[in-house]
Amino acid sequence: MVHKEPRGRGRPRDYDPDEALRGATTAFWRLGFSGASVDQLSDATDMNRPSMYAAFGDKRALYLKTLDRYIEQSNQTIRRTLDYERPLPKVLRNLYQAALSAYLPPGERPRGCYLISTAAAEAVTDAEVRSKLRDALQGFERALTARIEHARAVGEVDRAANAAALAMVASALLHSLAVRSRAGDPRSALESLIDAGVELIAPRASRGTSSALRRKRPARSARK
């Protein structure tokens, strides 16, 4: 049995809040909100209990702060990835590949999406978590709807297509990747799911991209 040195009664206030929240996020992500004990969170944040409570509040308040941090970081990634200058299939694939990188960290157990893995369970009984989960999902779908409407305007998507419905499909695909990655599906299967989903959302653009690639390949071979 390994014995740890007891923590001091106090801790200097020069801790790094972002580093502490990162550690707490890792603990909640791995153990879930209910499964993560206060002692485990204390270890994960590298703060003793009194200091952790003073900085972040109780366990629930700490979890809500990690949730807000994760949602904000996800929104930043989404804004960067939904590039209006690139073809929609490329944009969607970049989005899903970025998600897989987070869901399947190298050398670690599959962990899926923090929001789906932790908030979906707590949303059943916690109205504030439910509200944050709903707002995050709706915000993501609004961003996707705007991007698909742009693709429809430039002819990448059929003009009769319902952009909001396609955004819900695109969002549902992301959630499926999150759940399936956490369940242990191999990456190859998830990659196939991405290909099928992108083809479903933007078939016209996907076929156009594939045709363009086929036309270019002989020219590259001829130059060799």
C-alpha atoms as a PDB file:
ATOM      1  CA  MET A   1       0.000   0.000   0.000  1.00  0.00           C
ATOM      2  CA  VAL A   2       1.315   3.427  -0.968  1.00  0.00           C
ATOM      3  CA  HIS A   3       1.038   6.097   1.705  1.00  0.00           C
ATOM      4  CA  LYS A   4       0.685   9.685   0.643  1.00  0.00           C
ATOM      5  CA  GLU A   5       1.979  12.623   2.544  1.00  0.00           C
ATOM      6  CA  PRO A   6      -0.965  14.357   4.222  1.00  0.00           C
ATOM      7  CA  ARG A   7      -2.068  17.577   2.578  1.00  0.00           C
ATOM      8  CA  GLY A   8      -1.594  20.773   4.477  1.00  0.00           C
ATOM      9  CA  ARG A   9      -4.537  22.582   5.951  1.00  0.00           C
ATOM     10  CA  GLY A  10      -4.151  25.447   3.559  1.00  0.00           C
ATOM     11  CA  ARG A  11      -2.928  25.978   0.043  1.00  0.00           C
ATOM     12  CA  PRO A  12      -1.548  29.094  -1.628  1.00  0.00           C
ATOM     13  CA  ARG A  13      -4.040  30.852  -3.871  1.00  0.00           C
ATOM     14  CA  ASP A  14      -1.615  30.884  -6.819  1.00  0.00           C
ATOM     15  CA  TYR A  15      -3.084  27.660  -8.259  1.00  0.00           C
ATOM     16  CA  ASP A  16      -3.886  27.544 -11.981  1.00  0.00           C
ATOM     17  CA  PRO A  17      -7.715  27.465 -12.297  1.00  0.00           C
ATOM     18  CA  ASP A  18      -7.622  26.138 -15.844  1.00  0.00           C
ATOM     19  CA  GLU A  19      -5.227  23.350 -14.890  1.00  0.00           C
ATOM     20  CA  ALA A  20      -7.419  22.447 -11.918  1.00  0.00           C
ATOM     21  CA  LEU A  21     -10.536  22.350 -14.106  1.00  0.00           C
ATOM     22  CA  ARG A  22      -8.674  20.249 -16.651  1.00  0.00           C
ATOM     23  CA  GLY A  23      -7.850  17.728 -13.939  1.00  0.00           C
ATOM     24  CA  ALA A  24     -11.428  17.703 -12.649  1.00  0.00           C
ATOM     25  CA  THR A  25     -12.727  17.207 -16.193  1.00  0.00           C
ATOM     26  CA  THR A  26     -10.480  14.182 -16.616  1.00  0.00           C
ATOM     27  CA  ALA A  27     -11.795  12.674 -13.374  1.00  0.00           C
ATOM     28  CA  PHE A  28     -15.459  13.275 -14.222  1.00  0.00           C
ATOM     29  CA  TRP A  29     -14.891  12.030 -17.776  1.00  0.00           C
ATOM     30  CA  ARG A  30     -13.358   8.792 -16.545  1.00  0.00           C
ATOM     31  CA  LEU A  31     -15.626   8.149 -13.558  1.00  0.00           C
ATOM     32  CA  GLY A  32     -18.817  10.086 -14.237  1.00  0.00           C
ATOM     33  CA  PHE A  33     -20.301  12.706 -11.925  1.00  0.00           C
ATOM     34  CA  SER A  34     -21.701  10.202  -9.447  1.00  0.00           C
ATOM     35  CA  GLY A  35     -18.650   7.945  -9.544  1.00  0.00           C
ATOM     36  CA  ALA A  36     -16.062  10.653  -8.885  1.00  0.00           C
ATOM     37  CA  SER A  37     -15.467  11.053  -5.142  1.00  0.00           C
ATOM     38  CA  VAL A  38     -14.408  14.320  -3.541  1.00  0.00           C
ATOM     39  CA  ASP A  39     -11.065  12.761  -2.628  1.00  0.00           C
ATOM     40  CA  GLN A  40     -10.493  11.753  -6.252  1.00  0.00           C
ATOM     41  CA  LEU A  41     -11.382  15.264  -7.394  1.00  0.00           C
ATOM     42  CA  SER A  42      -9.041  16.695  -4.783  1.00  0.00           C
ATOM     43  CA  ASP A  43      -6.244  14.564  -6.206  1.00  0.00           C
ATOM     44  CA  ALA A  44      -7.214  15.412  -9.795  1.00  0.00           C
ATOM     45  CA  THR A  45      -7.159  19.163  -9.142  1.00  0.00           C
ATOM     46  CA  ASP A  46      -4.069  18.909  -6.912  1.00  0.00           C
ATOM     47  CA  MET A  47      -5.914  20.910  -4.261  1.00  0.00           C
ATOM     48  CA  ASN A  48      -6.975  19.981  -0.764  1.00  0.00           C
ATOM     49  CA  ARG A  49     -10.677  19.932   0.025  1.00  0.00           C
ATOM     50  CA  PRO A  50     -10.982  23.343   1.702  1.00  0.00           C
ATOM     51  CA  SER A  51      -9.097  25.060  -1.108  1.00  0.00           C
ATOM     52  CA  MET A  52     -11.067  23.242  -3.778  1.00  0.00           C
ATOM     53  CA  TYR A  53     -14.353  24.190  -2.144  1.00  0.00           C
ATOM     54  CA  ALA A  54     -13.202  27.787  -1.709  1.00  0.00           C
ATOM     55  CA  ALA A  55     -12.173  28.047  -5.367  1.00  0.00           C
ATOM     56  CA  PHE A  56     -15.005  26.193  -7.083  1.00  0.00           C
ATOM     57  CA  GLY A  57     -17.761  25.427  -4.587  1.00  0.00           C
ATOM     58  CA  ASP A  58     -19.096  21.936  -3.916  1.00  0.00           C
ATOM     59  CA  LYS A  59     -18.773  18.902  -6.201  1.00  0.00           C
ATOM     60  CA  ARG A  60     -21.780  19.874  -8.322  1.00  0.00           C
ATOM     61  CA  ALA A  61     -20.559  23.450  -8.749  1.00  0.00           C
ATOM     62  CA  LEU A  62     -17.157  22.131  -9.808  1.00  0.00           C
ATOM     63  CA  TYR A  63     -18.804  19.837 -12.356  1.00  0.00           C
ATOM     64  CA  LEU A  64     -20.889  22.683 -13.779  1.00  0.00           C
ATOM     65  CA  LYS A  65     -17.722  24.747 -14.235  1.00  0.00           C
ATOM     66  CA  THR A  66     -16.044  21.885 -16.102  1.00  0.00           C
ATOM     67  CA  LEU A  67     -19.131  21.566 -18.264  1.00  0.00           C
ATOM     68  CA  ASP A  68     -19.109  25.284 -19.124  1.00  0.00           C
ATOM     69  CA  ARG A  69     -15.410  25.084 -19.947  1.00  0.00           C
ATOM     70  CA  TYR A  70     -15.889  22.057 -22.193  1.00  0.00           C
ATOM     71  CA  ILE A  71     -18.842  23.632 -24.025  1.00  0.00           C
ATOM     72  CA  GLU A  72     -16.920  26.860 -24.650  1.00  0.00           C
ATOM     73  CA  GLN A  73     -13.888  24.981 -25.959  1.00  0.00           C
ATOM     74  CA  SER A  74     -16.139  22.858 -28.175  1.00  0.00           C
ATOM     75  CA  ASN A  75     -17.805  25.983 -29.551  1.00  0.00           C
ATOM     76  CA  GLN A  76     -14.412  27.433 -30.413  1.00  0.00           C
ATOM     77  CA  THR A  77     -13.467  24.240 -32.256  1.00  0.00           C
ATOM     78  CA  ILE A  78     -16.770  24.240 -34.119  1.00  0.00           C
ATOM     79  CA  ARG A  79     -16.360  27.877 -35.197  1.00  0.00           C
ATOM     80  CA  ARG A  80     -12.863  27.120 -36.511  1.00  0.00           C
ATOM     81  CA  THR A  81     -13.893  23.924 -38.260  1.00  0.00           C
ATOM     82  CA  LEU A  82     -17.058  25.101 -40.012  1.00  0.00           C
ATOM     83  CA  ASP A  83     -14.952  26.884 -42.629  1.00  0.00           C
ATOM     84  CA  TYR A  84     -17.132  28.622 -45.214  1.00  0.00           C
ATOM     85  CA  GLU A  85     -14.330  28.596 -47.802  1.00  0.00           C
ATOM     86  CA  ARG A  86     -13.977  24.806 -47.997  1.00  0.00           C
ATOM     87  CA  PRO A  87     -16.356  22.253 -49.565  1.00  0.00           C
ATOM     88  CA  LEU A  88     -18.997  21.016 -47.142  1.00  0.00           C
ATOM     89  CA  PRO A  89     -17.890  17.332 -47.240  1.00  0.00           C
ATOM     90  CA  LYS A  90     -14.344  18.379 -46.304  1.00  0.00           C
ATOM     91  CA  VAL A  91     -15.671  20.597 -43.515  1.00  0.00           C
ATOM     92  CA  LEU A  92     -17.814  17.811 -42.077  1.00  0.00           C
ATOM     93  CA  ARG A  93     -15.010  15.264 -42.260  1.00  0.00           C
ATOM     94  CA  ASN A  94     -12.658  17.679 -40.493  1.00  0.00           C
ATOM     95  CA  LEU A  95     -15.287  18.192 -37.793  1.00  0.00           C
ATOM     96  CA  TYR A  96     -15.801  14.477 -37.237  1.00  0.00           C
ATOM     97  CA  GLN A  97     -12.086  13.701 -37.343  1.00  0.00           C
ATOM     98  CA  ALA A  98     -11.436  16.365 -34.714  1.00  0.00           C
ATOM     99  CA  ALA A  99     -14.144  14.779 -32.581  1.00  0.00           C
ATOM    100  CA  LEU A 100     -12.630  11.306 -32.971  1.00  0.00           C
ATOM    101  CA  SER A 101      -9.246  12.634 -31.866  1.00  0.00           C
ATOM    102  CA  ALA A 102     -10.877  13.725 -28.606  1.00  0.00           C
ATOM    103  CA  TYR A 103     -13.056  10.630 -28.235  1.00  0.00           C
ATOM    104  CA  LEU A 104     -10.190   8.191 -28.876  1.00  0.00           C
ATOM    105  CA  PRO A 105      -7.078   9.674 -27.239  1.00  0.00           C
ATOM    106  CA  PRO A 106      -3.904   7.780 -28.214  1.00  0.00           C
ATOM    107  CA  GLY A 107      -2.718   5.343 -25.562  1.00  0.00           C
ATOM    108  CA  GLU A 108      -5.831   5.839 -23.401  1.00  0.00           C
ATOM    109  CA  ARG A 109      -9.188   4.168 -22.986  1.00  0.00           C
ATOM    110  CA  PRO A 110     -11.932   5.391 -25.357  1.00  0.00           C
ATOM    111  CA  ARG A 111     -13.796   8.174 -23.603  1.00  0.00           C
ATOM    112  CA  GLY A 112     -16.358   9.577 -26.037  1.00  0.00           C
ATOM    113  CA  CYS A 113     -17.765  13.088 -25.660  1.00  0.00           C
ATOM    114  CA  TYR A 114     -17.617  14.725 -22.236  1.00  0.00           C
ATOM    115  CA  LEU A 115     -21.000  16.361 -22.708  1.00  0.00           C
ATOM    116  CA  ILE A 116     -22.785  13.202 -23.845  1.00  0.00           C
ATOM    117  CA  SER A 117     -20.909  10.857 -21.505  1.00  0.00           C
ATOM    118  CA  THR A 118     -21.581  12.825 -18.321  1.00  0.00           C
ATOM    119  CA  ALA A 119     -24.352  15.402 -18.801  1.00  0.00           C
ATOM    120  CA  ALA A 120     -26.870  13.082 -20.454  1.00  0.00           C
ATOM    121  CA  ALA A 121     -27.046  10.950 -17.305  1.00  0.00           C
ATOM    122  CA  GLU A 122     -27.250  13.893 -14.896  1.00  0.00           C
ATOM    123  CA  ALA A 123     -29.809  15.763 -17.031  1.00  0.00           C
ATOM    124  CA  VAL A 124     -32.511  13.330 -15.914  1.00  0.00           C
ATOM    125  CA  THR A 125     -32.568  14.738 -12.379  1.00  0.00           C
ATOM    126  CA  ASP A 126     -30.683  18.060 -12.612  1.00  0.00           C
ATOM    127  CA  ALA A 127     -32.561  20.847 -14.401  1.00  0.00           C
ATOM    128  CA  GLU A 128     -29.482  23.063 -14.741  1.00  0.00           C
ATOM    129  CA  VAL A 129     -27.431  20.304 -16.365  1.00  0.00           C
ATOM    130  CA  ARG A 130     -30.397  19.523 -18.620  1.00  0.00           C
ATOM    131  CA  SER A 131     -30.568  23.168 -19.681  1.00  0.00           C
ATOM    132  CA  LYS A 132     -26.841  23.330 -20.425  1.00  0.00           C
ATOM    133  CA  LEU A 133     -27.023  20.101 -22.424  1.00  0.00           C
ATOM    134  CA  ARG A 134     -30.033  21.293 -24.423  1.00  0.00           C
ATOM    135  CA  ASP A 135     -28.518  24.726 -25.111  1.00  0.00           C
ATOM    136  CA  ALA A 136     -25.215  23.189 -26.222  1.00  0.00           C
ATOM    137  CA  LEU A 137     -26.915  20.781 -28.623  1.00  0.00           C
ATOM    138  CA  GLN A 138     -29.184  23.466 -30.039  1.00  0.00           C
ATOM    139  CA  GLY A 139     -26.281  25.881 -30.451  1.00  0.00           C
ATOM    140  CA  PHE A 140     -24.316  23.264 -32.364  1.00  0.00           C
ATOM    141  CA  GLU A 141     -27.283  22.573 -34.615  1.00  0.00           C
ATOM    142  CA  ARG A 142     -27.770  26.295 -35.313  1.00  0.00           C
ATOM    143  CA  ALA A 143     -24.137  26.569 -36.406  1.00  0.00           C
ATOM    144  CA  LEU A 144     -24.520  23.509 -38.637  1.00  0.00           C
ATOM    145  CA  THR A 145     -27.786  24.830 -40.087  1.00  0.00           C
ATOM    146  CA  ALA A 146     -26.126  28.108 -41.083  1.00  0.00           C
ATOM    147  CA  ARG A 147     -23.218  26.246 -42.680  1.00  0.00           C
ATOM    148  CA  ILE A 148     -25.522  23.906 -44.616  1.00  0.00           C
ATOM    149  CA  GLU A 149     -27.682  26.828 -45.747  1.00  0.00           C
ATOM    150  CA  HIS A 150     -24.533  28.370 -47.203  1.00  0.00           C
ATOM    151  CA  ALA A 151     -23.702  25.076 -48.939  1.00  0.00           C
ATOM    152  CA  ARG A 152     -27.226  24.990 -50.337  1.00  0.00           C
ATOM    153  CA  ALA A 153     -26.893  28.566 -51.624  1.00  0.00           C
ATOM    154  CA  VAL A 154     -23.691  27.748 -53.535  1.00  0.00           C
ATOM    155  CA  GLY A 155     -25.095  24.526 -54.975  1.00  0.00           C
ATOM    156  CA  GLU A 156     -23.297  21.946 -52.815  1.00  0.00           C
ATOM    157  CA  VAL A 157     -26.596  20.753 -51.368  1.00  0.00           C
ATOM    158  CA  ASP A 158     -29.910  20.383 -53.165  1.00  0.00           C
ATOM    159  CA  ARG A 159     -31.819  23.666 -52.975  1.00  0.00           C
ATOM    160  CA  ALA A 160     -34.946  21.803 -51.880  1.00  0.00           C
ATOM    161  CA  ALA A 161     -33.135  20.261 -48.910  1.00  0.00           C
ATOM    162  CA  ASN A 162     -34.177  21.163 -45.365  1.00  0.00           C
ATOM    163  CA  ALA A 163     -30.997  22.641 -43.849  1.00  0.00           C
ATOM    164  CA  ALA A 164     -32.264  22.370 -40.271  1.00  0.00           C
ATOM    165  CA  ALA A 165     -33.157  18.685 -40.717  1.00  0.00           C
ATOM    166  CA  LEU A 166     -29.757  17.954 -42.285  1.00  0.00           C
ATOM    167  CA  ALA A 167     -28.104  19.756 -39.357  1.00  0.00           C
ATOM    168  CA  MET A 168     -29.941  17.455 -36.966  1.00  0.00           C
ATOM    169  CA  VAL A 169     -28.666  14.451 -38.939  1.00  0.00           C
ATOM    170  CA  ALA A 170     -25.115  15.847 -38.833  1.00  0.00           C
ATOM    171  CA  SER A 171     -25.444  16.426 -35.093  1.00  0.00           C
ATOM    172  CA  ALA A 172     -26.890  12.941 -34.544  1.00  0.00           C
ATOM    173  CA  LEU A 173     -23.909  11.451 -36.385  1.00  0.00           C
ATOM    174  CA  LEU A 174     -21.550  13.231 -33.983  1.00  0.00           C
ATOM    175  CA  HIS A 175     -23.474  11.865 -31.000  1.00  0.00           C
ATOM    176  CA  SER A 176     -23.386   8.369 -32.466  1.00  0.00           C
ATOM    177  CA  LEU A 177     -19.614   8.622 -32.870  1.00  0.00           C
ATOM    178  CA  ALA A 178     -19.381   9.701 -29.229  1.00  0.00           C
ATOM    179  CA  VAL A 179     -21.405   6.760 -27.920  1.00  0.00           C
ATOM    180  CA  ARG A 180     -19.888   4.160 -30.234  1.00  0.00           C
ATOM    181  CA  SER A 181     -16.332   5.251 -29.526  1.00  0.00           C
ATOM    182  CA  ARG A 182     -16.961   4.976 -25.787  1.00  0.00           C
ATOM    183  CA  ALA A 183     -18.521   1.560 -26.366  1.00  0.00           C
ATOM    184  CA  GLY A 184     -15.316   0.380 -28.014  1.00  0.00           C
ATOM    185  CA  ASP A 185     -16.173   0.360 -31.726  1.00  0.00           C
ATOM    186  CA  PRO A 186     -12.976   0.206 -33.808  1.00  0.00           C
ATOM    187  CA  ARG A 187     -11.858   3.395 -35.466  1.00  0.00           C
ATOM    188  CA  SER A 188     -12.238   1.806 -38.912  1.00  0.00           C
ATOM    189  CA  ALA A 189     -15.966   1.299 -38.267  1.00  0.00           C
ATOM    190  CA  LEU A 190     -16.329   4.889 -37.097  1.00  0.00           C
ATOM    191  CA  GLU A 191     -14.510   6.128 -40.205  1.00  0.00           C
ATOM    192  CA  SER A 192     -16.977   4.178 -42.366  1.00  0.00           C
ATOM    193  CA  LEU A 193     -19.849   5.747 -40.437  1.00  0.00           C
ATOM    194  CA  ILE A 194     -18.410   9.195 -41.144  1.00  0.00           C
ATOM    195  CA  ASP A 195     -18.164   8.447 -44.876  1.00  0.00           C
ATOM    196  CA  ALA A 196     -21.765   7.231 -45.017  1.00  0.00           C
ATOM    197  CA  GLY A 197     -23.020  10.198 -43.010  1.00  0.00           C
ATOM    198  CA  VAL A 198     -21.248  12.803 -45.121  1.00  0.00           C
ATOM    199  CA  GLU A 199     -22.572  11.174 -48.290  1.00  0.00           C
ATOM    200  CA  LEU A 200     -26.086  11.292 -46.836  1.00  0.00           C
ATOM    201  CA  ILE A 201     -25.837  14.974 -45.863  1.00  0.00           C
ATOM    202  CA  ALA A 202     -24.078  16.298 -48.970  1.00  0.00           C
ATOM    203  CA  PRO A 203     -24.370  13.703 -51.760  1.00  0.00           C
ATOM    204  CA  ARG A 204     -24.054  16.209 -54.588  1.00  0.00           C
ATOM    205  CA  ALA A 205     -20.889  17.799 -53.191  1.00  0.00           C
ATOM    206  CA  SER A 206     -19.400  14.406 -52.290  1.00  0.00           C
ATOM    207  CA  ARG A 207     -19.888  13.066 -55.807  1.00  0.00           C
ATOM    208  CA  GLY A 208     -18.503  16.249 -57.314  1.00  0.00           C
ATOM    209  CA  THR A 209     -15.389  16.039 -55.155  1.00  0.00           C
ATOM    210  CA  SER A 210     -14.870  12.373 -56.038  1.00  0.00           C
ATOM    211  CA  SER A 211     -15.294  13.087 -59.757  1.00  0.00           C
ATOM    212  CA  ALA A 212     -12.816  15.935 -59.620  1.00  0.00           C
ATOM    213  CA  LEU A 213     -10.269  13.698 -57.909  1.00  0.00           C
ATOM    214  CA  ARG A 214     -10.725  11.007 -60.551  1.00  0.00           C
ATOM    215  CA  ARG A 215     -10.200  13.538 -63.329  1.00  0.00           C
ATOM    216  CA  LYS A 216      -7.005  14.851 -61.740  1.00  0.00           C
ATOM    217  CA  ARG A 217      -5.307  11.520 -61.065  1.00  0.00           C
ATOM    218  CA  PRO A 218      -4.405  10.636 -64.701  1.00  0.00           C
ATOM    219  CA  ALA A 219      -2.853  14.074 -65.171  1.00  0.00           C
ATOM    220  CA  ARG A 220      -0.636  13.573 -62.111  1.00  0.00           C
ATOM    221  CA  SER A 221       0.424  10.135 -63.413  1.00  0.00           C
ATOM    222  CA  ALA A 222       1.236  11.530 -66.853  1.00  0.00           C
ATOM    223  CA  ARG A 223       3.656  14.064 -65.393  1.00  0.00           C
ATOM    224  CA  LYS A 224       5.733  11.352 -63.677  1.00  0.00           C
END
